[in-house]
Amino acid sequence: MEQLIRKSITDSLKPTVLHIENESYKHRHHTAMRDVDSTETHFRVTVVSELFSGQSRMQRQRMIYSLLKSEMAMEGGIHALSLVTKTPEEQEAVSVAPKADTR
């Protein structure tokens, strides 16, 4: 499933950053997952793409959900996605932001 996610997002959004973390192990004990054999159901995905420029956070997430529609509909497919979506400029701003003083 992770490879399908990677291919769909890469082919369509041409990301400069794509990080996919399989968090399914954190949810195996949930009632809804009790009879599911798949070990790839819950993902945290970070996507940085120029195609997000001018798009709201909701529009960006809808783009990704649309790309992964079939993977979410299949038996044992994606059950949950946690998405972080940024433009390269937004990612750069986060990278150079000064750290907060926590003393």
PDB file of N, CA and C in Angstrom:
ATOM      1  N   MET A   1       0.822  -1.185   0.000  1.00  0.00           N
ATOM      2  CA  MET A   1       0.000   0.000   0.000  1.00  0.00           C
ATOM      3  C   MET A   1       0.872   1.258   0.000  1.00  0.00           C
ATOM      4  N   GLU A   2       1.932   1.230   0.783  1.00  0.00           N
ATOM      5  CA  GLU A   2       2.818   2.403   0.834  1.00  0.00           C
ATOM      6  C   GLU A   2       3.375   2.732  -0.544  1.00  0.00           C
ATOM      7  N   GLN A   3       3.718   1.712  -1.308  1.00  0.00           N
ATOM      8  CA  GLN A   3       4.250   1.954  -2.655  1.00  0.00           C
ATOM      9  C   GLN A   3       3.177   2.540  -3.579  1.00  0.00           C
ATOM     10  N   LEU A   4       1.930   2.110  -3.430  1.00  0.00           N
ATOM     11  CA  LEU A   4       0.838   2.675  -4.219  1.00  0.00           C
ATOM     12  C   LEU A   4       0.628   4.150  -3.877  1.00  0.00           C
ATOM     13  N   ILE A   5       0.682   4.467  -2.594  1.00  0.00           N
ATOM     14  CA  ILE A   5       0.555   5.861  -2.155  1.00  0.00           C
ATOM     15  C   ILE A   5       1.683   6.688  -2.763  1.00  0.00           C
ATOM     16  N   ARG A   6       2.907   6.182  -2.632  1.00  0.00           N
ATOM     17  CA  ARG A   6       4.084   6.897  -3.144  1.00  0.00           C
ATOM     18  C   ARG A   6       3.965   7.149  -4.654  1.00  0.00           C
ATOM     19  N   LYS A   7       3.566   6.130  -5.390  1.00  0.00           N
ATOM     20  CA  LYS A   7       3.464   6.268  -6.848  1.00  0.00           C
ATOM     21  C   LYS A   7       2.377   7.266  -7.236  1.00  0.00           C
ATOM     22  N   SER A   8       1.209   7.148  -6.623  1.00  0.00           N
ATOM     23  CA  SER A   8       0.097   8.046  -6.955  1.00  0.00           C
ATOM     24  C   SER A   8       0.452   9.501  -6.692  1.00  0.00           C
ATOM     25  N   ILE A   9       1.029   9.763  -5.541  1.00  0.00           N
ATOM     26  CA  ILE A   9       1.373  11.142  -5.182  1.00  0.00           C
ATOM     27  C   ILE A   9       2.522  11.649  -6.036  1.00  0.00           C
ATOM     28  N   THR A  10       3.533  10.829  -6.243  1.00  0.00           N
ATOM     29  CA  THR A  10       4.687  11.252  -7.041  1.00  0.00           C
ATOM     30  C   THR A  10       4.290  11.539  -8.480  1.00  0.00           C
ATOM     31  N   ASP A  11       3.529  10.655  -9.080  1.00  0.00           N
ATOM     32  CA  ASP A  11       3.123  10.828 -10.480  1.00  0.00           C
ATOM     33  C   ASP A  11       2.274  12.078 -10.687  1.00  0.00           C
ATOM     34  N   SER A  12       1.404  12.381  -9.741  1.00  0.00           N
ATOM     35  CA  SER A  12       0.461  13.479  -9.919  1.00  0.00           C
ATOM     36  C   SER A  12       0.936  14.826  -9.379  1.00  0.00           C
ATOM     37  N   LEU A  13       1.614  14.814  -8.234  1.00  0.00           N
ATOM     38  CA  LEU A  13       1.951  16.073  -7.567  1.00  0.00           C
ATOM     39  C   LEU A  13       3.415  16.485  -7.704  1.00  0.00           C
ATOM     40  N   LYS A  14       4.250  15.591  -8.223  1.00  0.00           N
ATOM     41  CA  LYS A  14       5.682  15.897  -8.409  1.00  0.00           C
ATOM     42  C   LYS A  14       6.273  16.556  -7.155  1.00  0.00           C
ATOM     43  N   PRO A  15       6.185  15.906  -6.007  1.00  0.00           N
ATOM     44  CA  PRO A  15       6.615  16.536  -4.756  1.00  0.00           C
ATOM     45  C   PRO A  15       8.132  16.714  -4.677  1.00  0.00           C
ATOM     46  N   THR A  16       8.528  17.772  -3.978  1.00  0.00           N
ATOM     47  CA  THR A  16       9.949  17.960  -3.674  1.00  0.00           C
ATOM     48  C   THR A  16      10.294  17.223  -2.385  1.00  0.00           C
ATOM     49  N   VAL A  17       9.286  16.983  -1.562  1.00  0.00           N
ATOM     50  CA  VAL A  17       9.428  16.182  -0.342  1.00  0.00           C
ATOM     51  C   VAL A  17       8.209  15.268  -0.269  1.00  0.00           C
ATOM     52  N   LEU A  18       8.465  13.996  -0.007  1.00  0.00           N
ATOM     53  CA  LEU A  18       7.389  13.041   0.230  1.00  0.00           C
ATOM     54  C   LEU A  18       7.855  12.092   1.318  1.00  0.00           C
ATOM     55  N   HIS A  19       7.212  12.188   2.455  1.00  0.00           N
ATOM     56  CA  HIS A  19       7.545  11.311   3.574  1.00  0.00           C
ATOM     57  C   HIS A  19       6.281  10.546   3.955  1.00  0.00           C
ATOM     58  N   ILE A  20       6.385   9.221   3.958  1.00  0.00           N
ATOM     59  CA  ILE A  20       5.248   8.368   4.293  1.00  0.00           C
ATOM     60  C   ILE A  20       5.646   7.496   5.476  1.00  0.00           C
ATOM     61  N   GLU A  21       4.861   7.584   6.535  1.00  0.00           N
ATOM     62  CA  GLU A  21       5.121   6.779   7.722  1.00  0.00           C
ATOM     63  C   GLU A  21       3.926   5.870   7.970  1.00  0.00           C
ATOM     64  N   ASN A  22       4.177   4.573   7.996  1.00  0.00           N
ATOM     65  CA  ASN A  22       3.134   3.597   8.272  1.00  0.00           C
ATOM     66  C   ASN A  22       2.930   3.541   9.787  1.00  0.00           C
ATOM     67  N   GLU A  23       1.774   3.993  10.237  1.00  0.00           N
ATOM     68  CA  GLU A  23       1.460   4.009  11.669  1.00  0.00           C
ATOM     69  C   GLU A  23       0.430   2.943  12.043  1.00  0.00           C
ATOM     70  N   SER A  24       0.268   1.971  11.190  1.00  0.00           N
ATOM     71  CA  SER A  24      -0.756   0.939  11.401  1.00  0.00           C
ATOM     72  C   SER A  24      -0.552   0.195  12.712  1.00  0.00           C
ATOM     73  N   TYR A  25       0.680  -0.026  13.105  1.00  0.00           N
ATOM     74  CA  TYR A  25       0.964  -0.768  14.328  1.00  0.00           C
ATOM     75  C   TYR A  25       0.362  -0.080  15.559  1.00  0.00           C
ATOM     76  N   LYS A  26       0.155   1.215  15.487  1.00  0.00           N
ATOM     77  CA  LYS A  26      -0.414   1.956  16.615  1.00  0.00           C
ATOM     78  C   LYS A  26      -1.921   1.718  16.758  1.00  0.00           C
ATOM     79  N   HIS A  27      -2.530   1.131  15.756  1.00  0.00           N
ATOM     80  CA  HIS A  27      -3.981   1.016  15.722  1.00  0.00           C
ATOM     81  C   HIS A  27      -4.489  -0.419  15.659  1.00  0.00           C
ATOM     82  N   ARG A  28      -3.605  -1.388  15.717  1.00  0.00           N
ATOM     83  CA  ARG A  28      -3.990  -2.803  15.597  1.00  0.00           C
ATOM     84  C   ARG A  28      -5.000  -3.209  16.660  1.00  0.00           C
ATOM     85  N   HIS A  29      -4.948  -2.601  17.828  1.00  0.00           N
ATOM     86  CA  HIS A  29      -5.833  -2.984  18.930  1.00  0.00           C
ATOM     87  C   HIS A  29      -7.233  -2.376  18.823  1.00  0.00           C
ATOM     88  N   HIS A  30      -7.453  -1.459  17.890  1.00  0.00           N
ATOM     89  CA  HIS A  30      -8.765  -0.832  17.741  1.00  0.00           C
ATOM     90  C   HIS A  30      -9.798  -1.847  17.257  1.00  0.00           C
ATOM     91  N   THR A  31     -10.994  -1.712  17.748  1.00  0.00           N
ATOM     92  CA  THR A  31     -12.081  -2.633  17.393  1.00  0.00           C
ATOM     93  C   THR A  31     -12.272  -2.729  15.881  1.00  0.00           C
ATOM     94  N   ALA A  32     -12.230  -1.600  15.199  1.00  0.00           N
ATOM     95  CA  ALA A  32     -12.449  -1.597  13.743  1.00  0.00           C
ATOM     96  C   ALA A  32     -11.370  -2.364  12.990  1.00  0.00           C
ATOM     97  N   MET A  33     -10.203  -2.563  13.598  1.00  0.00           N
ATOM     98  CA  MET A  33      -9.092  -3.225  12.928  1.00  0.00           C
ATOM     99  C   MET A  33      -8.962  -4.703  13.327  1.00  0.00           C
ATOM    100  N   ARG A  34      -9.818  -5.157  14.187  1.00  0.00           N
ATOM    101  CA  ARG A  34      -9.719  -6.511  14.751  1.00  0.00           C
ATOM    102  C   ARG A  34      -9.673  -7.609  13.689  1.00  0.00           C
ATOM    103  N   ASP A  35     -10.492  -7.531  12.659  1.00  0.00           N
ATOM    104  CA  ASP A  35     -10.555  -8.585  11.642  1.00  0.00           C
ATOM    105  C   ASP A  35      -9.821  -8.232  10.357  1.00  0.00           C
ATOM    106  N   VAL A  36      -8.993  -7.201  10.405  1.00  0.00           N
ATOM    107  CA  VAL A  36      -8.257  -6.751   9.223  1.00  0.00           C
ATOM    108  C   VAL A  36      -6.865  -7.379   9.230  1.00  0.00           C
ATOM    109  N   ASP A  37      -6.512  -8.050   8.148  1.00  0.00           N
ATOM    110  CA  ASP A  37      -5.210  -8.702   8.048  1.00  0.00           C
ATOM    111  C   ASP A  37      -4.105  -7.760   7.571  1.00  0.00           C
ATOM    112  N   SER A  38      -4.485  -6.672   6.931  1.00  0.00           N
ATOM    113  CA  SER A  38      -3.508  -5.752   6.363  1.00  0.00           C
ATOM    114  C   SER A  38      -2.691  -5.070   7.461  1.00  0.00           C
ATOM    115  N   THR A  39      -1.415  -4.905   7.191  1.00  0.00           N
ATOM    116  CA  THR A  39      -0.532  -4.175   8.115  1.00  0.00           C
ATOM    117  C   THR A  39      -0.249  -2.775   7.588  1.00  0.00           C
ATOM    118  N   GLU A  40      -0.999  -2.364   6.567  1.00  0.00           N
ATOM    119  CA  GLU A  40      -0.818  -1.045   5.968  1.00  0.00           C
ATOM    120  C   GLU A  40      -2.174  -0.350   5.824  1.00  0.00           C
ATOM    121  N   THR A  41      -2.656   0.213   6.932  1.00  0.00           N
ATOM    122  CA  THR A  41      -3.982   0.828   6.947  1.00  0.00           C
ATOM    123  C   THR A  41      -3.975   2.278   7.413  1.00  0.00           C
ATOM    124  N   HIS A  42      -2.980   2.665   8.199  1.00  0.00           N
ATOM    125  CA  HIS A  42      -2.911   4.009   8.784  1.00  0.00           C
ATOM    126  C   HIS A  42      -1.571   4.649   8.400  1.00  0.00           C
ATOM    127  N   PHE A  43      -1.647   5.845   7.809  1.00  0.00           N
ATOM    128  CA  PHE A  43      -0.424   6.499   7.336  1.00  0.00           C
ATOM    129  C   PHE A  43      -0.386   7.970   7.724  1.00  0.00           C
ATOM    130  N   ARG A  44       0.815   8.444   8.037  1.00  0.00           N
ATOM    131  CA  ARG A  44       1.101   9.868   8.195  1.00  0.00           C
ATOM    132  C   ARG A  44       1.916  10.252   6.963  1.00  0.00           C
ATOM    133  N   VAL A  45       1.409  11.209   6.192  1.00  0.00           N
ATOM    134  CA  VAL A  45       2.026  11.565   4.914  1.00  0.00           C
ATOM    135  C   VAL A  45       2.321  13.065   4.890  1.00  0.00           C
ATOM    136  N   THR A  46       3.561  13.398   4.569  1.00  0.00           N
ATOM    137  CA  THR A  46       3.969  14.788   4.387  1.00  0.00           C
ATOM    138  C   THR A  46       4.303  14.974   2.915  1.00  0.00           C
ATOM    139  N   VAL A  47       3.672  15.972   2.294  1.00  0.00           N
ATOM    140  CA  VAL A  47       3.878  16.246   0.875  1.00  0.00           C
ATOM    141  C   VAL A  47       4.201  17.731   0.707  1.00  0.00           C
ATOM    142  N   VAL A  48       5.298  18.005   0.026  1.00  0.00           N
ATOM    143  CA  VAL A  48       5.644  19.375  -0.347  1.00  0.00           C
ATOM    144  C   VAL A  48       5.621  19.418  -1.867  1.00  0.00           C
ATOM    145  N   SER A  49       4.743  20.287  -2.405  1.00  0.00           N
ATOM    146  CA  SER A  49       4.583  20.350  -3.852  1.00  0.00           C
ATOM    147  C   SER A  49       4.249  21.768  -4.290  1.00  0.00           C
ATOM    148  N   GLU A  50       4.830  22.157  -5.399  1.00  0.00           N
ATOM    149  CA  GLU A  50       4.529  23.457  -6.004  1.00  0.00           C
ATOM    150  C   GLU A  50       3.061  23.521  -6.434  1.00  0.00           C
ATOM    151  N   LEU A  51       2.463  22.385  -6.725  1.00  0.00           N
ATOM    152  CA  LEU A  51       1.067  22.344  -7.165  1.00  0.00           C
ATOM    153  C   LEU A  51       0.091  22.757  -6.061  1.00  0.00           C
ATOM    154  N   PHE A  52       0.569  22.875  -4.820  1.00  0.00           N
ATOM    155  CA  PHE A  52      -0.274  23.327  -3.726  1.00  0.00           C
ATOM    156  C   PHE A  52      -0.371  24.852  -3.661  1.00  0.00           C
ATOM    157  N   SER A  53       0.426  25.544  -4.444  1.00  0.00           N
ATOM    158  CA  SER A  53       0.404  27.012  -4.431  1.00  0.00           C
ATOM    159  C   SER A  53      -0.996  27.520  -4.750  1.00  0.00           C
ATOM    160  N   GLY A  54      -1.472  28.452  -3.937  1.00  0.00           N
ATOM    161  CA  GLY A  54      -2.785  29.035  -4.139  1.00  0.00           C
ATOM    162  C   GLY A  54      -3.938  28.168  -3.664  1.00  0.00           C
ATOM    163  N   GLN A  55      -3.635  27.004  -3.099  1.00  0.00           N
ATOM    164  CA  GLN A  55      -4.663  26.079  -2.621  1.00  0.00           C
ATOM    165  C   GLN A  55      -4.774  26.178  -1.100  1.00  0.00           C
ATOM    166  N   SER A  56      -5.992  26.108  -0.587  1.00  0.00           N
ATOM    167  CA  SER A  56      -6.177  26.058   0.866  1.00  0.00           C
ATOM    168  C   SER A  56      -5.763  24.668   1.369  1.00  0.00           C
ATOM    169  N   ARG A  57      -5.622  24.544   2.679  1.00  0.00           N
ATOM    170  CA  ARG A  57      -5.277  23.250   3.259  1.00  0.00           C
ATOM    171  C   ARG A  57      -6.331  22.206   2.892  1.00  0.00           C
ATOM    172  N   MET A  58      -7.590  22.600   2.938  1.00  0.00           N
ATOM    173  CA  MET A  58      -8.680  21.683   2.586  1.00  0.00           C
ATOM    174  C   MET A  58      -8.577  21.247   1.125  1.00  0.00           C
ATOM    175  N   GLN A  59      -8.300  22.165   0.222  1.00  0.00           N
ATOM    176  CA  GLN A  59      -8.173  21.823  -1.199  1.00  0.00           C
ATOM    177  C   GLN A  59      -6.994  20.872  -1.424  1.00  0.00           C
ATOM    178  N   ARG A  60      -5.903  21.099  -0.730  1.00  0.00           N
ATOM    179  CA  ARG A  60      -4.728  20.220  -0.848  1.00  0.00           C
ATOM    180  C   ARG A  60      -5.068  18.810  -0.395  1.00  0.00           C
ATOM    181  N   GLN A  61      -5.746  18.716   0.741  1.00  0.00           N
ATOM    182  CA  GLN A  61      -6.091  17.399   1.257  1.00  0.00           C
ATOM    183  C   GLN A  61      -7.087  16.694   0.346  1.00  0.00           C
ATOM    184  N   ARG A  62      -8.012  17.442  -0.210  1.00  0.00           N
ATOM    185  CA  ARG A  62      -8.961  16.845  -1.158  1.00  0.00           C
ATOM    186  C   ARG A  62      -8.249  16.318  -2.394  1.00  0.00           C
ATOM    187  N   MET A  63      -7.203  17.023  -2.829  1.00  0.00           N
ATOM    188  CA  MET A  63      -6.416  16.542  -3.971  1.00  0.00           C
ATOM    189  C   MET A  63      -5.840  15.164  -3.666  1.00  0.00           C
ATOM    190  N   ILE A  64      -5.284  15.009  -2.482  1.00  0.00           N
ATOM    191  CA  ILE A  64      -4.650  13.742  -2.108  1.00  0.00           C
ATOM    192  C   ILE A  64      -5.703  12.655  -1.914  1.00  0.00           C
ATOM    193  N   TYR A  65      -6.787  12.971  -1.241  1.00  0.00           N
ATOM    194  CA  TYR A  65      -7.856  11.983  -1.075  1.00  0.00           C
ATOM    195  C   TYR A  65      -8.398  11.526  -2.427  1.00  0.00           C
ATOM    196  N   SER A  66      -8.501  12.442  -3.366  1.00  0.00           N
ATOM    197  CA  SER A  66      -8.960  12.088  -4.709  1.00  0.00           C
ATOM    198  C   SER A  66      -7.974  11.133  -5.385  1.00  0.00           C
ATOM    199  N   LEU A  67      -6.685  11.387  -5.213  1.00  0.00           N
ATOM    200  CA  LEU A  67      -5.655  10.516  -5.798  1.00  0.00           C
ATOM    201  C   LEU A  67      -5.712   9.107  -5.221  1.00  0.00           C
ATOM    202  N   LEU A  68      -6.065   8.998  -3.946  1.00  0.00           N
ATOM    203  CA  LEU A  68      -6.011   7.714  -3.242  1.00  0.00           C
ATOM    204  C   LEU A  68      -7.391   7.090  -3.037  1.00  0.00           C
ATOM    205  N   LYS A  69      -8.364   7.551  -3.798  1.00  0.00           N
ATOM    206  CA  LYS A  69      -9.741   7.094  -3.644  1.00  0.00           C
ATOM    207  C   LYS A  69      -9.878   5.569  -3.734  1.00  0.00           C
ATOM    208  N   SER A  70      -9.255   4.962  -4.725  1.00  0.00           N
ATOM    209  CA  SER A  70      -9.388   3.508  -4.883  1.00  0.00           C
ATOM    210  C   SER A  70      -8.667   2.755  -3.765  1.00  0.00           C
ATOM    211  N   GLU A  71      -7.535   3.280  -3.293  1.00  0.00           N
ATOM    212  CA  GLU A  71      -6.799   2.631  -2.200  1.00  0.00           C
ATOM    213  C   GLU A  71      -7.587   2.703  -0.894  1.00  0.00           C
ATOM    214  N   MET A  72      -8.396   3.756  -0.748  1.00  0.00           N
ATOM    215  CA  MET A  72      -9.208   3.893   0.458  1.00  0.00           C
ATOM    216  C   MET A  72     -10.465   3.029   0.389  1.00  0.00           C
ATOM    217  N   ALA A  73     -10.926   2.711  -0.807  1.00  0.00           N
ATOM    218  CA  ALA A  73     -12.153   1.930  -0.983  1.00  0.00           C
ATOM    219  C   ALA A  73     -11.913   0.424  -0.920  1.00  0.00           C
ATOM    220  N   MET A  74     -10.695  -0.013  -1.186  1.00  0.00           N
ATOM    221  CA  MET A  74     -10.446  -1.459  -1.247  1.00  0.00           C
ATOM    222  C   MET A  74     -10.445  -2.103   0.136  1.00  0.00           C
ATOM    223  N   GLU A  75     -10.837  -3.353   0.167  1.00  0.00           N
ATOM    224  CA  GLU A  75     -10.819  -4.147   1.394  1.00  0.00           C
ATOM    225  C   GLU A  75      -9.396  -4.211   1.935  1.00  0.00           C
ATOM    226  N   GLY A  76      -9.211  -3.855   3.207  1.00  0.00           N
ATOM    227  CA  GLY A  76      -7.877  -3.861   3.804  1.00  0.00           C
ATOM    228  C   GLY A  76      -7.010  -2.712   3.329  1.00  0.00           C
ATOM    229  N   GLY A  77      -7.626  -1.732   2.693  1.00  0.00           N
ATOM    230  CA  GLY A  77      -6.883  -0.586   2.168  1.00  0.00           C
ATOM    231  C   GLY A  77      -6.653   0.467   3.229  1.00  0.00           C
ATOM    232  N   ILE A  78      -6.480   1.680   2.787  1.00  0.00           N
ATOM    233  CA  ILE A  78      -6.206   2.791   3.702  1.00  0.00           C
ATOM    234  C   ILE A  78      -7.443   3.051   4.550  1.00  0.00           C
ATOM    235  N   HIS A  79      -7.250   3.032   5.843  1.00  0.00           N
ATOM    236  CA  HIS A  79      -8.326   3.323   6.791  1.00  0.00           C
ATOM    237  C   HIS A  79      -8.239   4.765   7.284  1.00  0.00           C
ATOM    238  N   ALA A  80      -6.990   5.280   7.414  1.00  0.00           N
ATOM    239  CA  ALA A  80      -6.809   6.640   7.930  1.00  0.00           C
ATOM    240  C   ALA A  80      -5.535   7.262   7.365  1.00  0.00           C
ATOM    241  N   LEU A  81      -5.653   8.558   7.058  1.00  0.00           N
ATOM    242  CA  LEU A  81      -4.511   9.351   6.594  1.00  0.00           C
ATOM    243  C   LEU A  81      -4.364  10.578   7.471  1.00  0.00           C
ATOM    244  N   SER A  82      -3.162  10.854   7.903  1.00  0.00           N
ATOM    245  CA  SER A  82      -2.833  12.107   8.558  1.00  0.00           C
ATOM    246  C   SER A  82      -1.954  12.852   7.567  1.00  0.00           C
ATOM    247  N   LEU A  83      -2.401  14.025   7.124  1.00  0.00           N
ATOM    248  CA  LEU A  83      -1.714  14.725   6.040  1.00  0.00           C
ATOM    249  C   LEU A  83      -1.107  16.048   6.489  1.00  0.00           C
ATOM    250  N   VAL A  84       0.118  16.286   6.042  1.00  0.00           N
ATOM    251  CA  VAL A  84       0.760  17.592   6.139  1.00  0.00           C
ATOM    252  C   VAL A  84       1.074  17.981   4.709  1.00  0.00           C
ATOM    253  N   THR A  85       0.522  19.108   4.260  1.00  0.00           N
ATOM    254  CA  THR A  85       0.691  19.538   2.875  1.00  0.00           C
ATOM    255  C   THR A  85       1.228  20.958   2.857  1.00  0.00           C
ATOM    256  N   LYS A  86       2.333  21.159   2.144  1.00  0.00           N
ATOM    257  CA  LYS A  86       2.976  22.471   2.089  1.00  0.00           C
ATOM    258  C   LYS A  86       3.485  22.757   0.686  1.00  0.00           C
ATOM    259  N   THR A  87       3.649  24.043   0.406  1.00  0.00           N
ATOM    260  CA  THR A  87       4.364  24.452  -0.796  1.00  0.00           C
ATOM    261  C   THR A  87       5.848  24.484  -0.440  1.00  0.00           C
ATOM    262  N   PRO A  88       6.740  24.503  -1.433  1.00  0.00           N
ATOM    263  CA  PRO A  88       8.165  24.618  -1.111  1.00  0.00           C
ATOM    264  C   PRO A  88       8.481  25.879  -0.298  1.00  0.00           C
ATOM    265  N   GLU A  89       7.791  26.972  -0.583  1.00  0.00           N
ATOM    266  CA  GLU A  89       8.019  28.213   0.159  1.00  0.00           C
ATOM    267  C   GLU A  89       7.606  28.070   1.625  1.00  0.00           C
ATOM    268  N   GLU A  90       6.477  27.407   1.875  1.00  0.00           N
ATOM    269  CA  GLU A  90       6.035  27.170   3.251  1.00  0.00           C
ATOM    270  C   GLU A  90       7.009  26.258   3.983  1.00  0.00           C
ATOM    271  N   GLN A  91       7.511  25.256   3.295  1.00  0.00           N
ATOM    272  CA  GLN A  91       8.484  24.342   3.904  1.00  0.00           C
ATOM    273  C   GLN A  91       9.770  25.076   4.241  1.00  0.00           C
ATOM    274  N   GLU A  92      10.228  25.939   3.344  1.00  0.00           N
ATOM    275  CA  GLU A  92      11.444  26.715   3.574  1.00  0.00           C
ATOM    276  C   GLU A  92      11.268  27.637   4.772  1.00  0.00           C
ATOM    277  N   ALA A  93      10.121  28.272   4.888  1.00  0.00           N
ATOM    278  CA  ALA A  93       9.864  29.174   6.011  1.00  0.00           C
ATOM    279  C   ALA A  93       9.936  28.430   7.346  1.00  0.00           C
ATOM    280  N   VAL A  94       9.445  27.209   7.371  1.00  0.00           N
ATOM    281  CA  VAL A  94       9.501  26.391   8.580  1.00  0.00           C
ATOM    282  C   VAL A  94      10.943  26.000   8.872  1.00  0.00           C
ATOM    283  N   SER A  95      11.709  25.699   7.828  1.00  0.00           N
ATOM    284  CA  SER A  95      13.090  25.247   7.997  1.00  0.00           C
ATOM    285  C   SER A  95      13.990  26.331   8.556  1.00  0.00           C
ATOM    286  N   VAL A  96      13.721  27.594   8.222  1.00  0.00           N
ATOM    287  CA  VAL A  96      14.607  28.682   8.658  1.00  0.00           C
ATOM    288  C   VAL A  96      14.036  29.466   9.837  1.00  0.00           C
ATOM    289  N   ALA A  97      12.856  29.101  10.309  1.00  0.00           N
ATOM    290  CA  ALA A  97      12.248  29.793  11.451  1.00  0.00           C
ATOM    291  C   ALA A  97      13.112  29.599  12.682  1.00  0.00           C
ATOM    292  N   PRO A  98      13.306  30.666  13.464  1.00  0.00           N
ATOM    293  CA  PRO A  98      14.104  30.529  14.685  1.00  0.00           C
ATOM    294  C   PRO A  98      13.395  29.622  15.698  1.00  0.00           C
ATOM    295  N   LYS A  99      14.189  28.902  16.452  1.00  0.00           N
ATOM    296  CA  LYS A  99      13.650  28.006  17.471  1.00  0.00           C
ATOM    297  C   LYS A  99      13.170  28.838  18.659  1.00  0.00           C
ATOM    298  N   ALA A 100      12.074  28.416  19.259  1.00  0.00           N
ATOM    299  CA  ALA A 100      11.559  29.095  20.438  1.00  0.00           C
ATOM    300  C   ALA A 100      12.461  28.803  21.632  1.00  0.00           C
ATOM    301  N   ASP A 101      12.662  29.796  22.447  1.00  0.00           N
ATOM    302  CA  ASP A 101      13.454  29.624  23.668  1.00  0.00           C
ATOM    303  C   ASP A 101      12.582  28.998  24.726  1.00  0.00           C
ATOM    304  N   THR A 102      12.925  27.799  25.161  1.00  0.00           N
ATOM    305  CA  THR A 102      12.092  27.058  26.116  1.00  0.00           C
ATOM    306  C   THR A 102      12.705  27.031  27.519  1.00  0.00           C
ATOM    307  N   ARG A 103      13.654  27.941  27.784  1.00  0.00           N
ATOM    308  CA  ARG A 103      14.258  27.958  29.124  1.00  0.00           C
ATOM    309  C   ARG A 103      13.331  28.513  30.150  1.00  0.00           C
TER     310      ARG A 103
END
